[in-house]
Structures are given as C-alpha cells and as structure tokens.
C-alpha cells in the first residue's frame, strides 16, 4: 500500500526522530510513505493570525498537491499540520465560492497518522510484526488536543476520550495506564510567548502521569513531544521537584517492538533520558 505523506517542518527538524520512525514503522507495517512533492509549510500555529483566507490557501496548496498525486490516503503525522489541513479542506468543501482559484475535487482521505495506523492498518497487522513485547513498560498515552478538535472539522469520534494509541500500546505489550489527562493542552506554542503558562500545564501532566504510576508518556504530536521532553529541567526548578519523565513517539515504540535497529538512535536524541528506562526494562 502507498500513501501520500506530508512530513511538515517539524519532522525534518525538532521532530526528526518522529519523521524517521514514522517512515520506518509504516514500512514495517507494509505501507510506503510517498513524500508529497514540493510541499510547503502549512502555516501551523501562526498563519491564521495573518488572515483566515491566507491560512486556508497556505494549507490548501499541499492538499491540492496530494490530490494531484493520485493516491487515496493523505497521511499527516503532525497534529498541528493535520488540523490546519483539515481546516483548509473544510473551507474548500463548504465555502468553495470564497476560494475560486482552488479547485479541490474532494475524495482524498485526509488522516492524522495515528488514525491511519489504527483504522487502515489495524491492530492485527501490528500484532504480527511484534518480535519483542514491551513488557513492564508502564505508560500513559497522551494525544494532545489539535488532531481531535474541533470534531466537526477533524472528524474525530471520541475526541474527549480517544483510545487508539492505548490499544496500539497494549498490542505492543506495554502496561497502559488509565488517566484523565490524555487530551489536556500542553501549552502548544506558548514556550516562547508565555513560558510560565506552558510550564504550569506540563508540570500538571507530569504530576498526573506519576500519580497513576506511569514511567513514561507516549505521544503522537511533535509539538507535545517538544513541550513534554525539552523543558523538564526548567519545570523541575519552577516547582522544586525533580522530573525525569521519558517521552516517546508511538511510532518509535512500534519500530522498537518490531526489532528496528535504528530505534536506539532515536531514543538518544530525546532530552529526557529514555535510554536508561528501556535498559532497565531490558528492551534495548
């Protein structure tokens, strides 16, 4: 199976390990990620502040390239990129008169990566590639908010209590714990403009994950990953606590369980020490 794949800016920069593990995990699962030709920034986080029409047109450019690529599935790993693309798609479908130069025919299945893996590839296919179960790894699944809301635009079903990642992690053999903060906001792009708010929000997520006994947090969003992984020292200082909470992309753990040799390289690029935990669990 081939799918059109939009990496966006993060997956070749701060979320490089997400990009590499995405391509690797999809290959393991029998899917070729065909990178969108001549893709450009979707305007995530800031373009809408410059104008609604501009933001739609910026994201719509990639949508139209995917349409011309001729593949049915258009897969977007980054939650923010996915949301902006779905906003553009919604606008072109429901208000085409506002964008007369953008000829979107529809028919593309625009999906966030997690939904694609869960719905199109499926748990049984994932189970078949597992070579070493992630036994003893106590994890909570953290979805963030951007790929889920607004459900009228994103198409998310269980947007308050999603379970796809929980179920995937269980198939991988992890000990998935229940918590009520899987869709709470991590602060998004406030790391520069309002760092104190971000640190308060992320500190709460650490506390709630630890409260249920989690040893790590697993996510599907590069912005969430950055906020949860990069600022642990600053958050520890703010609250006078010592946080060392490893954070993983779900694709990294799929690849790890499937025996991918490059997985250790991805874990070493994390800020919080995830290698130590995996060694303790005898998973690497």
Foldseek 3Di string as FASTA:
>chain_A
DEAEEEAADCCVPVVVLLVVLLQVLCVLLVYHHDYQPPQDHLQFPHQCVVDDVRNLVNLLVSVVSRVVVPDQEYEYLALRSLLSNLSSVVCCVPPVVVPVPRDDPDRHHYAYSLCCCPPVSHLVSLLVLFDAALAPQEEEEAEEQRCQPPCVRNVHDPRQDDCSLVSNNVSSHHNYFDFRCNHPHQCQPCCPVPVVVNLVSLVVVQVRCVVRPHQAYEYRHSRSLCSNFPCQVVSCVVVVHHDQHHYYYSSLSSCLSSPNPCSVVSQVPTRRRPVVVCVVSVSD
